[in-house]
N, C-alpha and C. Protein backbone atom coordinates (compact mmCIF):
# COMPACT_ATOMS: atom_id res chain seq x y z
N MET A 1 0.83 -1.20 0.00
CA MET A 1 0.00 0.00 0.00
C MET A 1 0.86 1.26 0.00
N VAL A 2 1.97 1.23 0.79
CA VAL A 2 2.85 2.39 0.86
C VAL A 2 3.48 2.66 -0.50
N ASN A 3 3.97 1.60 -1.15
CA ASN A 3 4.59 1.77 -2.46
C ASN A 3 3.62 2.33 -3.47
N GLU A 4 2.38 1.87 -3.44
CA GLU A 4 1.36 2.36 -4.37
C GLU A 4 1.10 3.84 -4.13
N PHE A 5 1.05 4.24 -2.85
CA PHE A 5 0.82 5.64 -2.53
C PHE A 5 1.98 6.50 -3.04
N LEU A 6 3.22 6.06 -2.77
CA LEU A 6 4.38 6.82 -3.20
C LEU A 6 4.48 6.90 -4.71
N MET A 7 4.15 5.83 -5.40
CA MET A 7 4.17 5.84 -6.86
C MET A 7 3.23 6.89 -7.41
N TYR A 8 2.04 6.98 -6.80
CA TYR A 8 1.08 7.95 -7.30
C TYR A 8 1.46 9.37 -6.88
N ALA A 9 1.91 9.53 -5.63
CA ALA A 9 2.26 10.86 -5.12
C ALA A 9 3.46 11.45 -5.85
N TYR A 10 4.43 10.61 -6.20
CA TYR A 10 5.68 11.09 -6.80
C TYR A 10 5.63 11.10 -8.33
N PHE A 11 5.03 10.07 -8.91
CA PHE A 11 5.02 9.94 -10.36
C PHE A 11 3.64 10.14 -11.00
N GLY A 12 2.59 10.04 -10.20
CA GLY A 12 1.25 10.07 -10.78
C GLY A 12 0.91 8.78 -11.48
N ILE A 13 1.52 7.68 -11.00
CA ILE A 13 1.36 6.37 -11.63
C ILE A 13 0.58 5.44 -10.71
N THR A 14 -0.33 4.64 -11.28
CA THR A 14 -1.05 3.62 -10.52
C THR A 14 -0.68 2.24 -11.06
N LYS A 15 -0.97 1.20 -10.31
CA LYS A 15 -0.66 -0.17 -10.72
C LYS A 15 -1.36 -0.56 -12.01
N ALA A 16 -2.48 0.10 -12.29
CA ALA A 16 -3.26 -0.25 -13.47
C ALA A 16 -2.76 0.42 -14.75
N ASP A 17 -1.82 1.35 -14.61
CA ASP A 17 -1.34 2.08 -15.78
C ASP A 17 -0.55 1.18 -16.72
N PRO A 18 -0.73 1.33 -18.04
CA PRO A 18 0.05 0.54 -19.00
C PRO A 18 1.49 1.01 -19.05
N LYS A 19 2.35 0.23 -19.68
CA LYS A 19 3.79 0.51 -19.71
C LYS A 19 4.10 1.86 -20.33
N ASP A 20 3.42 2.25 -21.40
CA ASP A 20 3.75 3.51 -22.05
C ASP A 20 3.46 4.71 -21.15
N ILE A 21 2.46 4.58 -20.27
CA ILE A 21 2.17 5.66 -19.32
C ILE A 21 3.26 5.74 -18.26
N ILE A 22 3.72 4.57 -17.79
CA ILE A 22 4.82 4.53 -16.82
C ILE A 22 6.07 5.18 -17.40
N LEU A 23 6.37 4.87 -18.65
CA LEU A 23 7.54 5.45 -19.31
C LEU A 23 7.39 6.96 -19.47
N LYS A 24 6.22 7.39 -19.90
CA LYS A 24 5.96 8.82 -20.10
C LYS A 24 6.07 9.60 -18.79
N LYS A 25 5.45 9.10 -17.74
CA LYS A 25 5.47 9.79 -16.45
C LYS A 25 6.90 9.80 -15.88
N SER A 26 7.65 8.72 -16.11
CA SER A 26 9.03 8.67 -15.63
C SER A 26 9.90 9.70 -16.37
N ALA A 27 9.68 9.83 -17.67
CA ALA A 27 10.44 10.82 -18.46
C ALA A 27 10.09 12.23 -18.03
N GLU A 28 8.82 12.48 -17.76
CA GLU A 28 8.39 13.81 -17.31
C GLU A 28 8.98 14.15 -15.95
N ARG A 29 9.02 13.17 -15.07
CA ARG A 29 9.59 13.42 -13.74
C ARG A 29 11.09 13.63 -13.82
N ALA A 30 11.74 12.90 -14.72
CA ALA A 30 13.18 13.03 -14.89
C ALA A 30 13.56 14.43 -15.37
N TYR A 31 12.70 15.04 -16.17
CA TYR A 31 12.96 16.39 -16.68
C TYR A 31 13.15 17.38 -15.52
N LEU A 32 12.42 17.17 -14.45
CA LEU A 32 12.51 18.08 -13.30
C LEU A 32 13.88 18.03 -12.63
N ASP A 33 14.62 16.95 -12.87
CA ASP A 33 15.93 16.80 -12.25
C ASP A 33 17.02 17.58 -12.99
N LEU A 34 16.71 18.11 -14.16
CA LEU A 34 17.72 18.85 -14.91
C LEU A 34 17.26 20.21 -15.40
N CYS A 35 15.95 20.50 -15.35
CA CYS A 35 15.41 21.70 -16.00
C CYS A 35 16.01 22.99 -15.47
N ARG A 36 16.41 23.01 -14.20
CA ARG A 36 16.98 24.24 -13.63
C ARG A 36 18.33 24.60 -14.25
N THR A 37 18.98 23.63 -14.92
CA THR A 37 20.30 23.88 -15.51
C THR A 37 20.22 24.32 -16.97
N ILE A 38 19.02 24.33 -17.55
CA ILE A 38 18.87 24.62 -18.97
C ILE A 38 18.88 26.12 -19.24
N LYS A 39 19.67 26.55 -20.21
CA LYS A 39 19.67 27.94 -20.66
C LYS A 39 18.88 28.02 -21.96
N PHE A 40 17.64 28.47 -21.85
CA PHE A 40 16.76 28.51 -23.01
C PHE A 40 17.07 29.70 -23.92
N LYS A 41 16.79 29.50 -25.20
CA LYS A 41 16.91 30.57 -26.18
C LYS A 41 15.59 31.31 -26.36
N THR A 42 14.54 30.81 -25.72
CA THR A 42 13.22 31.40 -25.82
C THR A 42 12.58 31.54 -24.45
N GLU A 43 11.70 32.52 -24.33
CA GLU A 43 10.93 32.71 -23.10
C GLU A 43 9.50 32.20 -23.27
N ASN A 44 9.20 31.69 -24.45
CA ASN A 44 7.85 31.21 -24.76
C ASN A 44 7.59 29.88 -24.05
N GLU A 45 6.70 29.89 -23.06
CA GLU A 45 6.43 28.69 -22.27
C GLU A 45 5.74 27.61 -23.09
N ASP A 46 4.96 28.00 -24.08
CA ASP A 46 4.29 27.01 -24.94
C ASP A 46 5.32 26.23 -25.75
N VAL A 47 6.35 26.92 -26.21
CA VAL A 47 7.41 26.27 -26.97
C VAL A 47 8.19 25.31 -26.08
N LYS A 48 8.49 25.75 -24.85
CA LYS A 48 9.19 24.89 -23.90
C LYS A 48 8.39 23.63 -23.61
N THR A 49 7.08 23.79 -23.41
CA THR A 49 6.20 22.65 -23.13
C THR A 49 6.15 21.71 -24.32
N GLU A 50 6.11 22.27 -25.51
CA GLU A 50 6.07 21.46 -26.74
C GLU A 50 7.32 20.60 -26.87
N TYR A 51 8.47 21.17 -26.63
CA TYR A 51 9.72 20.43 -26.79
C TYR A 51 9.91 19.40 -25.68
N LYS A 52 9.48 19.74 -24.48
CA LYS A 52 9.54 18.75 -23.39
C LYS A 52 8.70 17.54 -23.76
N ALA A 53 7.48 17.78 -24.25
CA ALA A 53 6.60 16.67 -24.65
C ALA A 53 7.20 15.87 -25.80
N LYS A 54 7.88 16.57 -26.71
CA LYS A 54 8.51 15.92 -27.85
C LYS A 54 9.59 14.94 -27.39
N ILE A 55 10.43 15.38 -26.46
CA ILE A 55 11.50 14.52 -25.96
C ILE A 55 10.93 13.36 -25.14
N CYS A 56 9.94 13.64 -24.30
CA CYS A 56 9.33 12.57 -23.49
C CYS A 56 8.71 11.51 -24.38
N GLY A 57 8.05 11.94 -25.44
CA GLY A 57 7.46 10.99 -26.38
C GLY A 57 8.53 10.17 -27.08
N MET A 58 9.63 10.82 -27.42
CA MET A 58 10.74 10.11 -28.05
C MET A 58 11.34 9.07 -27.10
N LEU A 59 11.48 9.42 -25.83
CA LEU A 59 12.06 8.50 -24.86
C LEU A 59 11.18 7.28 -24.63
N VAL A 60 9.88 7.45 -24.71
CA VAL A 60 8.97 6.30 -24.58
C VAL A 60 9.25 5.30 -25.69
N LYS A 61 9.40 5.78 -26.91
CA LYS A 61 9.67 4.90 -28.06
C LYS A 61 11.07 4.30 -27.98
N GLU A 62 12.03 5.12 -27.58
CA GLU A 62 13.41 4.66 -27.55
C GLU A 62 13.66 3.62 -26.46
N TYR A 63 12.85 3.63 -25.42
CA TYR A 63 13.02 2.64 -24.35
C TYR A 63 12.88 1.23 -24.90
N GLU A 64 11.88 1.01 -25.72
CA GLU A 64 11.67 -0.32 -26.27
C GLU A 64 12.78 -0.70 -27.24
N VAL A 65 13.29 0.27 -27.99
CA VAL A 65 14.41 0.01 -28.89
C VAL A 65 15.64 -0.40 -28.08
N LEU A 66 15.89 0.35 -27.01
CA LEU A 66 17.02 0.05 -26.13
C LEU A 66 16.88 -1.33 -25.52
N LEU A 67 15.71 -1.64 -25.02
CA LEU A 67 15.45 -2.94 -24.40
C LEU A 67 15.66 -4.08 -25.39
N ASN A 68 15.12 -3.94 -26.58
CA ASN A 68 15.23 -4.99 -27.59
C ASN A 68 16.67 -5.20 -28.03
N ASP A 69 17.41 -4.10 -28.19
CA ASP A 69 18.80 -4.21 -28.62
C ASP A 69 19.65 -4.92 -27.57
N VAL A 70 19.44 -4.61 -26.31
CA VAL A 70 20.19 -5.25 -25.24
C VAL A 70 19.84 -6.73 -25.14
N GLU A 71 18.56 -7.04 -25.20
CA GLU A 71 18.12 -8.44 -25.07
C GLU A 71 18.64 -9.31 -26.19
N SER A 72 18.78 -8.75 -27.38
CA SER A 72 19.19 -9.55 -28.55
C SER A 72 20.70 -9.57 -28.78
N SER A 73 21.45 -8.86 -27.94
CA SER A 73 22.90 -8.75 -28.15
C SER A 73 23.67 -9.77 -27.31
N ASP A 74 24.79 -10.22 -27.86
CA ASP A 74 25.69 -11.09 -27.11
C ASP A 74 26.56 -10.27 -26.16
N ASP A 75 26.79 -9.01 -26.52
CA ASP A 75 27.54 -8.09 -25.67
C ASP A 75 26.58 -7.02 -25.17
N LYS A 76 25.88 -7.34 -24.11
CA LYS A 76 24.76 -6.50 -23.67
C LYS A 76 25.21 -5.13 -23.15
N GLN A 77 26.33 -5.07 -22.45
CA GLN A 77 26.79 -3.77 -21.95
C GLN A 77 27.17 -2.85 -23.10
N ASN A 78 27.86 -3.38 -24.09
CA ASN A 78 28.25 -2.57 -25.24
C ASN A 78 27.02 -2.12 -26.02
N ALA A 79 26.03 -3.01 -26.13
CA ALA A 79 24.79 -2.65 -26.83
C ALA A 79 24.08 -1.52 -26.09
N PHE A 80 24.05 -1.63 -24.76
CA PHE A 80 23.41 -0.58 -23.97
C PHE A 80 24.17 0.74 -24.14
N ASP A 81 25.49 0.70 -24.02
CA ASP A 81 26.30 1.92 -24.13
C ASP A 81 26.11 2.61 -25.48
N SER A 82 26.08 1.81 -26.55
CA SER A 82 25.94 2.38 -27.89
C SER A 82 24.58 3.03 -28.08
N GLU A 83 23.53 2.35 -27.65
CA GLU A 83 22.19 2.90 -27.79
C GLU A 83 21.99 4.11 -26.87
N HIS A 84 22.58 4.05 -25.69
CA HIS A 84 22.52 5.17 -24.74
C HIS A 84 23.11 6.43 -25.39
N LYS A 85 24.27 6.29 -26.00
CA LYS A 85 24.91 7.43 -26.65
C LYS A 85 24.04 7.97 -27.79
N ARG A 86 23.50 7.08 -28.58
CA ARG A 86 22.66 7.51 -29.71
C ARG A 86 21.44 8.29 -29.22
N ILE A 87 20.80 7.78 -28.16
CA ILE A 87 19.60 8.44 -27.64
C ILE A 87 19.96 9.82 -27.07
N CYS A 88 21.05 9.90 -26.33
CA CYS A 88 21.48 11.19 -25.79
C CYS A 88 21.75 12.19 -26.91
N GLU A 89 22.37 11.73 -27.98
CA GLU A 89 22.64 12.62 -29.11
C GLU A 89 21.36 13.08 -29.78
N GLU A 90 20.35 12.24 -29.80
CA GLU A 90 19.05 12.63 -30.35
C GLU A 90 18.38 13.68 -29.47
N ILE A 91 18.51 13.51 -28.16
CA ILE A 91 17.96 14.51 -27.23
C ILE A 91 18.64 15.86 -27.46
N ILE A 92 19.96 15.85 -27.54
CA ILE A 92 20.73 17.08 -27.73
C ILE A 92 20.34 17.75 -29.04
N LYS A 93 20.24 16.97 -30.10
CA LYS A 93 19.90 17.52 -31.41
C LYS A 93 18.55 18.23 -31.39
N ALA A 94 17.57 17.61 -30.76
CA ALA A 94 16.24 18.20 -30.72
C ALA A 94 16.16 19.40 -29.79
N TYR A 95 16.74 19.26 -28.59
CA TYR A 95 16.58 20.31 -27.58
C TYR A 95 17.48 21.51 -27.85
N SER A 96 18.52 21.31 -28.64
CA SER A 96 19.41 22.42 -28.97
C SER A 96 18.73 23.45 -29.87
N GLU A 97 17.57 23.12 -30.40
CA GLU A 97 16.81 24.07 -31.20
C GLU A 97 16.27 25.21 -30.35
N ILE A 98 16.09 24.94 -29.05
CA ILE A 98 15.53 25.99 -28.18
C ILE A 98 16.41 26.29 -26.96
N SER A 99 17.57 25.63 -26.86
CA SER A 99 18.42 25.84 -25.69
C SER A 99 19.87 25.48 -26.00
N GLU A 100 20.75 25.83 -25.07
CA GLU A 100 22.14 25.38 -25.12
C GLU A 100 22.18 24.08 -24.32
N PHE A 101 22.15 22.96 -25.03
CA PHE A 101 21.96 21.67 -24.36
C PHE A 101 23.22 20.82 -24.49
N THR A 102 23.63 20.19 -23.38
CA THR A 102 24.88 19.45 -23.33
C THR A 102 24.65 17.95 -23.13
N TYR A 103 25.75 17.21 -23.29
CA TYR A 103 25.66 15.77 -23.02
C TYR A 103 25.37 15.51 -21.55
N GLY A 104 25.92 16.33 -20.68
CA GLY A 104 25.66 16.17 -19.26
C GLY A 104 24.18 16.29 -18.92
N GLN A 105 23.49 17.18 -19.58
CA GLN A 105 22.06 17.34 -19.35
C GLN A 105 21.27 16.19 -19.97
N ALA A 106 21.68 15.75 -21.16
CA ALA A 106 20.99 14.65 -21.83
C ALA A 106 21.10 13.36 -21.01
N GLN A 107 22.29 13.08 -20.48
CA GLN A 107 22.46 11.87 -19.68
C GLN A 107 21.57 11.90 -18.45
N LYS A 108 21.41 13.08 -17.87
CA LYS A 108 20.59 13.18 -16.66
C LYS A 108 19.14 12.84 -16.98
N TRP A 109 18.63 13.34 -18.10
CA TRP A 109 17.25 13.07 -18.50
C TRP A 109 17.04 11.58 -18.74
N LEU A 110 17.91 10.99 -19.55
CA LEU A 110 17.76 9.57 -19.88
C LEU A 110 18.02 8.68 -18.67
N ASN A 111 19.10 8.94 -17.94
CA ASN A 111 19.45 8.07 -16.81
C ASN A 111 18.43 8.13 -15.69
N MET A 112 17.90 9.32 -15.40
CA MET A 112 16.89 9.41 -14.35
C MET A 112 15.59 8.74 -14.78
N MET A 113 15.24 8.85 -16.07
CA MET A 113 14.05 8.14 -16.55
C MET A 113 14.22 6.64 -16.35
N LEU A 114 15.37 6.11 -16.74
CA LEU A 114 15.61 4.67 -16.62
C LEU A 114 15.63 4.24 -15.16
N LYS A 115 16.18 5.08 -14.29
CA LYS A 115 16.18 4.77 -12.86
C LYS A 115 14.76 4.75 -12.31
N TYR A 116 13.95 5.72 -12.70
CA TYR A 116 12.57 5.77 -12.21
C TYR A 116 11.76 4.57 -12.69
N VAL A 117 11.96 4.17 -13.92
CA VAL A 117 11.25 2.99 -14.44
C VAL A 117 11.63 1.76 -13.63
N LEU A 118 12.92 1.63 -13.31
CA LEU A 118 13.38 0.52 -12.49
C LEU A 118 12.75 0.56 -11.11
N LEU A 119 12.69 1.74 -10.50
CA LEU A 119 12.10 1.86 -9.17
C LEU A 119 10.62 1.50 -9.18
N VAL A 120 9.92 1.92 -10.20
CA VAL A 120 8.48 1.64 -10.30
C VAL A 120 8.23 0.15 -10.53
N GLU A 121 9.00 -0.44 -11.43
CA GLU A 121 8.76 -1.84 -11.80
C GLU A 121 9.43 -2.83 -10.85
N GLY A 122 10.43 -2.38 -10.11
CA GLY A 122 11.08 -3.25 -9.14
C GLY A 122 12.25 -4.04 -9.68
N ASP A 123 12.28 -4.27 -10.98
CA ASP A 123 13.38 -5.00 -11.61
C ASP A 123 13.33 -4.76 -13.11
N SER A 124 14.41 -5.07 -13.79
CA SER A 124 14.48 -4.88 -15.24
C SER A 124 15.66 -5.66 -15.78
N VAL A 125 15.55 -6.14 -17.01
CA VAL A 125 16.68 -6.82 -17.64
C VAL A 125 17.81 -5.83 -17.91
N LEU A 126 17.50 -4.53 -17.85
CA LEU A 126 18.51 -3.51 -18.08
C LEU A 126 19.30 -3.16 -16.82
N LYS A 127 18.85 -3.61 -15.67
CA LYS A 127 19.40 -3.15 -14.40
C LYS A 127 20.92 -3.22 -14.32
N SER A 128 21.51 -4.32 -14.71
CA SER A 128 22.95 -4.50 -14.59
C SER A 128 23.75 -3.58 -15.50
N TYR A 129 23.10 -3.05 -16.54
CA TYR A 129 23.81 -2.28 -17.56
C TYR A 129 23.55 -0.78 -17.47
N LEU A 130 22.65 -0.38 -16.59
CA LEU A 130 22.30 1.04 -16.48
C LEU A 130 23.51 1.88 -16.07
N HIS A 131 23.56 3.09 -16.62
CA HIS A 131 24.54 4.07 -16.18
C HIS A 131 24.00 4.76 -14.94
N ILE A 132 24.91 5.27 -14.12
CA ILE A 132 24.46 6.02 -12.95
C ILE A 132 24.15 7.46 -13.37
N PRO A 133 23.04 8.03 -12.91
CA PRO A 133 22.77 9.44 -13.19
C PRO A 133 23.81 10.29 -12.47
N VAL A 134 24.44 11.20 -13.18
CA VAL A 134 25.51 12.00 -12.59
C VAL A 134 24.98 13.34 -12.10
N ASP A 135 25.26 13.66 -10.84
CA ASP A 135 25.02 14.98 -10.28
C ASP A 135 26.11 15.25 -9.26
N SER A 136 26.04 16.37 -8.56
CA SER A 136 27.12 16.72 -7.64
C SER A 136 27.22 15.75 -6.46
N TYR A 137 26.08 15.14 -6.06
CA TYR A 137 26.11 14.17 -4.96
C TYR A 137 26.97 12.97 -5.35
N ILE A 138 26.74 12.47 -6.56
CA ILE A 138 27.48 11.30 -7.03
C ILE A 138 28.93 11.67 -7.30
N MET A 139 29.17 12.85 -7.86
CA MET A 139 30.54 13.31 -8.08
C MET A 139 31.30 13.33 -6.75
N GLN A 140 30.64 13.76 -5.69
CA GLN A 140 31.29 13.86 -4.39
C GLN A 140 31.65 12.49 -3.85
N THR A 141 30.73 11.55 -3.87
CA THR A 141 31.02 10.24 -3.27
C THR A 141 31.97 9.41 -4.13
N VAL A 142 31.97 9.64 -5.45
CA VAL A 142 32.93 8.95 -6.31
C VAL A 142 34.35 9.44 -6.03
N GLY A 143 34.50 10.75 -5.88
CA GLY A 143 35.83 11.31 -5.71
C GLY A 143 36.13 11.79 -4.31
N SER A 144 35.67 11.06 -3.31
CA SER A 144 35.87 11.49 -1.92
C SER A 144 36.71 10.50 -1.14
N ASP A 145 37.52 11.04 -0.21
CA ASP A 145 38.27 10.22 0.73
C ASP A 145 37.65 10.27 2.12
N ASN A 146 36.53 10.98 2.24
CA ASN A 146 35.91 11.20 3.55
C ASN A 146 35.49 9.87 4.17
N PRO A 147 36.06 9.49 5.30
CA PRO A 147 35.72 8.20 5.93
C PRO A 147 34.28 8.13 6.43
N LYS A 148 33.61 9.27 6.50
CA LYS A 148 32.22 9.28 6.94
C LYS A 148 31.28 8.78 5.83
N LEU A 149 31.78 8.71 4.61
CA LEU A 149 30.98 8.24 3.49
C LEU A 149 31.35 6.80 3.17
N LYS A 150 30.53 5.86 3.57
CA LYS A 150 30.88 4.45 3.37
C LYS A 150 30.80 4.03 1.91
N TYR A 151 30.07 4.79 1.08
CA TYR A 151 29.96 4.47 -0.34
C TYR A 151 31.07 5.11 -1.18
N ARG A 152 31.95 5.84 -0.55
CA ARG A 152 33.00 6.55 -1.28
C ARG A 152 33.84 5.57 -2.10
N LEU A 153 34.25 6.02 -3.30
CA LEU A 153 35.07 5.18 -4.17
C LEU A 153 36.51 5.66 -4.24
N LYS A 154 36.75 6.90 -3.81
CA LYS A 154 38.10 7.48 -3.77
C LYS A 154 38.78 7.48 -5.14
N LEU A 155 38.01 7.75 -6.17
CA LEU A 155 38.55 7.76 -7.53
C LEU A 155 38.95 9.17 -7.95
N GLU A 156 39.96 9.25 -8.77
CA GLU A 156 40.39 10.55 -9.33
C GLU A 156 39.93 10.63 -10.78
N CYS A 157 38.61 10.62 -10.96
CA CYS A 157 38.05 10.58 -12.31
C CYS A 157 37.01 11.67 -12.54
N VAL A 158 36.89 12.62 -11.61
CA VAL A 158 35.89 13.67 -11.74
C VAL A 158 36.44 14.79 -12.62
N PRO A 159 35.77 15.12 -13.72
CA PRO A 159 36.25 16.20 -14.60
C PRO A 159 36.39 17.53 -13.85
N LYS A 160 37.45 18.25 -14.19
CA LYS A 160 37.71 19.55 -13.57
C LYS A 160 37.55 20.67 -14.60
N LYS A 161 37.38 21.87 -14.12
CA LYS A 161 37.16 23.01 -15.00
C LYS A 161 38.35 23.29 -15.91
N ASP A 162 39.56 22.87 -15.49
CA ASP A 162 40.75 23.13 -16.29
C ASP A 162 41.03 22.05 -17.33
N GLY A 163 40.11 21.09 -17.46
CA GLY A 163 40.25 20.05 -18.48
C GLY A 163 40.90 18.77 -17.99
N THR A 164 41.36 18.75 -16.75
CA THR A 164 41.95 17.54 -16.17
C THR A 164 40.89 16.80 -15.37
N VAL A 165 41.28 15.72 -14.70
CA VAL A 165 40.38 14.99 -13.81
C VAL A 165 41.04 14.84 -12.46
N GLY A 166 40.24 14.58 -11.43
CA GLY A 166 40.80 14.41 -10.10
C GLY A 166 39.73 14.09 -9.08
N LYS A 167 40.02 14.37 -7.82
CA LYS A 167 39.04 14.20 -6.76
C LYS A 167 37.94 15.26 -6.91
N TYR A 168 36.84 15.04 -6.24
CA TYR A 168 35.76 16.02 -6.30
C TYR A 168 36.11 17.25 -5.48
N SER A 169 35.81 18.42 -6.04
CA SER A 169 35.98 19.69 -5.34
C SER A 169 34.85 20.61 -5.78
N GLU A 170 34.16 21.17 -4.82
CA GLU A 170 33.05 22.07 -5.13
C GLU A 170 33.50 23.26 -5.97
N SER A 171 34.72 23.70 -5.77
CA SER A 171 35.21 24.88 -6.48
C SER A 171 35.87 24.57 -7.83
N SER A 172 36.56 23.43 -7.93
CA SER A 172 37.33 23.16 -9.16
C SER A 172 36.72 22.10 -10.07
N SER A 173 35.78 21.30 -9.58
CA SER A 173 35.17 20.28 -10.43
C SER A 173 34.21 20.92 -11.44
N LYS A 174 34.17 20.37 -12.61
CA LYS A 174 33.29 20.87 -13.68
C LYS A 174 31.86 20.43 -13.40
N PRO A 175 30.90 21.34 -13.42
CA PRO A 175 29.50 20.95 -13.18
C PRO A 175 29.04 19.87 -14.16
N TRP A 176 28.29 18.90 -13.67
CA TRP A 176 27.84 17.78 -14.51
C TRP A 176 27.05 18.27 -15.73
N SER A 177 26.36 19.38 -15.58
CA SER A 177 25.52 19.90 -16.67
C SER A 177 26.33 20.45 -17.83
N LYS A 178 27.66 20.53 -17.66
CA LYS A 178 28.53 21.04 -18.73
C LYS A 178 29.45 19.96 -19.30
N TRP A 179 29.28 18.72 -18.84
CA TRP A 179 30.14 17.64 -19.32
C TRP A 179 29.89 17.32 -20.78
N ASN A 180 30.95 16.88 -21.47
CA ASN A 180 30.81 16.35 -22.82
C ASN A 180 30.80 14.82 -22.76
N TYR A 181 30.67 14.19 -23.91
CA TYR A 181 30.57 12.73 -23.93
C TYR A 181 31.82 12.05 -23.40
N ASP A 182 33.00 12.51 -23.82
CA ASP A 182 34.24 11.85 -23.41
C ASP A 182 34.41 11.90 -21.89
N GLU A 183 34.09 13.03 -21.28
CA GLU A 183 34.17 13.15 -19.83
C GLU A 183 33.17 12.22 -19.15
N TYR A 184 31.99 12.18 -19.72
CA TYR A 184 30.91 11.36 -19.16
C TYR A 184 31.24 9.87 -19.20
N ILE A 185 31.63 9.36 -20.35
CA ILE A 185 31.82 7.92 -20.48
C ILE A 185 33.07 7.45 -19.72
N ALA A 186 34.09 8.31 -19.63
CA ALA A 186 35.28 7.96 -18.84
C ALA A 186 34.90 7.83 -17.36
N PHE A 187 34.05 8.72 -16.89
CA PHE A 187 33.56 8.68 -15.51
C PHE A 187 32.75 7.42 -15.27
N GLN A 188 31.83 7.11 -16.18
CA GLN A 188 31.00 5.91 -16.04
C GLN A 188 31.87 4.65 -16.02
N ASN A 189 32.84 4.58 -16.90
CA ASN A 189 33.70 3.39 -16.96
C ASN A 189 34.52 3.22 -15.69
N ALA A 190 34.99 4.33 -15.13
CA ALA A 190 35.78 4.26 -13.89
C ALA A 190 34.91 3.76 -12.74
N VAL A 191 33.69 4.27 -12.66
CA VAL A 191 32.78 3.84 -11.61
C VAL A 191 32.38 2.38 -11.81
N ARG A 192 32.12 2.00 -13.04
CA ARG A 192 31.72 0.62 -13.34
C ARG A 192 32.80 -0.36 -12.92
N THR A 193 34.05 -0.02 -13.18
CA THR A 193 35.17 -0.89 -12.81
C THR A 193 35.28 -1.00 -11.29
N ALA A 194 35.18 0.14 -10.61
CA ALA A 194 35.28 0.14 -9.15
C ALA A 194 34.15 -0.66 -8.50
N VAL A 195 32.95 -0.50 -9.01
CA VAL A 195 31.80 -1.21 -8.46
C VAL A 195 31.92 -2.71 -8.71
N SER A 196 32.45 -3.09 -9.87
CA SER A 196 32.60 -4.52 -10.20
C SER A 196 33.59 -5.21 -9.26
N GLU A 197 34.45 -4.43 -8.64
CA GLU A 197 35.44 -4.99 -7.71
C GLU A 197 34.98 -4.89 -6.26
N SER A 198 33.71 -4.51 -6.07
CA SER A 198 33.14 -4.35 -4.73
C SER A 198 32.07 -5.41 -4.48
N ASP A 199 31.32 -5.23 -3.42
CA ASP A 199 30.26 -6.18 -3.07
C ASP A 199 28.90 -5.79 -3.67
N TYR A 200 28.86 -4.68 -4.42
CA TYR A 200 27.60 -4.25 -5.01
C TYR A 200 27.33 -5.02 -6.30
N ASN A 201 26.06 -5.28 -6.56
CA ASN A 201 25.69 -6.09 -7.72
C ASN A 201 25.70 -5.32 -9.03
N SER A 202 25.55 -4.00 -8.96
CA SER A 202 25.49 -3.20 -10.18
C SER A 202 25.77 -1.74 -9.83
N PRO A 203 26.20 -0.94 -10.80
CA PRO A 203 26.42 0.50 -10.54
C PRO A 203 25.16 1.21 -10.05
N ILE A 204 24.01 0.87 -10.59
CA ILE A 204 22.78 1.57 -10.18
C ILE A 204 22.40 1.21 -8.75
N GLU A 205 22.73 0.00 -8.31
CA GLU A 205 22.49 -0.37 -6.92
C GLU A 205 23.39 0.44 -6.00
N TRP A 206 24.66 0.57 -6.39
CA TRP A 206 25.59 1.39 -5.61
C TRP A 206 25.13 2.84 -5.58
N GLU A 207 24.71 3.36 -6.72
CA GLU A 207 24.30 4.77 -6.83
C GLU A 207 23.15 5.10 -5.91
N ASN A 208 22.20 4.19 -5.79
CA ASN A 208 21.02 4.45 -4.97
C ASN A 208 21.42 4.71 -3.52
N GLY A 209 22.27 3.86 -2.98
CA GLY A 209 22.72 4.04 -1.61
C GLY A 209 23.65 5.24 -1.47
N ALA A 210 24.52 5.45 -2.46
CA ALA A 210 25.49 6.54 -2.40
C ALA A 210 24.78 7.90 -2.43
N TRP A 211 23.78 8.03 -3.28
CA TRP A 211 23.08 9.31 -3.40
C TRP A 211 22.37 9.66 -2.09
N ILE A 212 21.69 8.68 -1.50
CA ILE A 212 20.98 8.92 -0.25
C ILE A 212 21.97 9.30 0.86
N GLU A 213 23.10 8.62 0.90
CA GLU A 213 24.10 8.90 1.93
C GLU A 213 24.61 10.33 1.84
N VAL A 214 24.94 10.80 0.63
CA VAL A 214 25.45 12.16 0.49
C VAL A 214 24.34 13.19 0.77
N ALA A 215 23.12 12.88 0.38
CA ALA A 215 22.00 13.78 0.68
C ALA A 215 21.86 13.97 2.18
N GLU A 216 22.00 12.90 2.93
CA GLU A 216 21.93 12.98 4.39
C GLU A 216 23.15 13.71 4.96
N PHE A 217 24.32 13.44 4.38
CA PHE A 217 25.57 14.05 4.84
C PHE A 217 25.56 15.57 4.67
N ARG A 218 24.91 16.04 3.60
CA ARG A 218 24.89 17.48 3.30
C ARG A 218 23.85 18.27 4.10
N LYS A 219 23.01 17.59 4.84
CA LYS A 219 21.97 18.29 5.60
C LYS A 219 22.60 19.22 6.66
């Protein structure tokens, strides 16, 4: 009963909703996780609403393409990574018509949608291959030595404003919303390797606990 209430309160989703509604509502909710970082070229709210709906509709269709490609591939992680990049590039291409849109923002939209779908459904064949949604909380726990953070990975892979990588720093680390593809995928690969050598079953499982821990730590 609690899960059903939270699903409706947070996503507007009920158990009776078909899959395409779950995907659409997840994409719409994911937009809220990045919209504050968008620099629009227009002040027209109708245009903004139109493009948001356009991308959400595209993500609903692309989810099934992504799922089918992974299921039919012998190299499922590579299939996921390739399709993930293609979808992000499609998001950037469309949204750049009305804004200055980056790979960092596209990954957040797609990754949060996929995470929300997983949370709603409870499991997915994509779970092991999902990328972690990148934000400052995750950047901090990936590149932290703080012993108070049990999920810390102590990696020197966080992009910096000067073009190098290193530990996380609020002042010198490059904001996730400005990342390019090369910075993004290098970060994902570093985290994936570290998680594979730990007791966590998947990067997204690690991310869930890590994000909550940093949110509590920052209070």
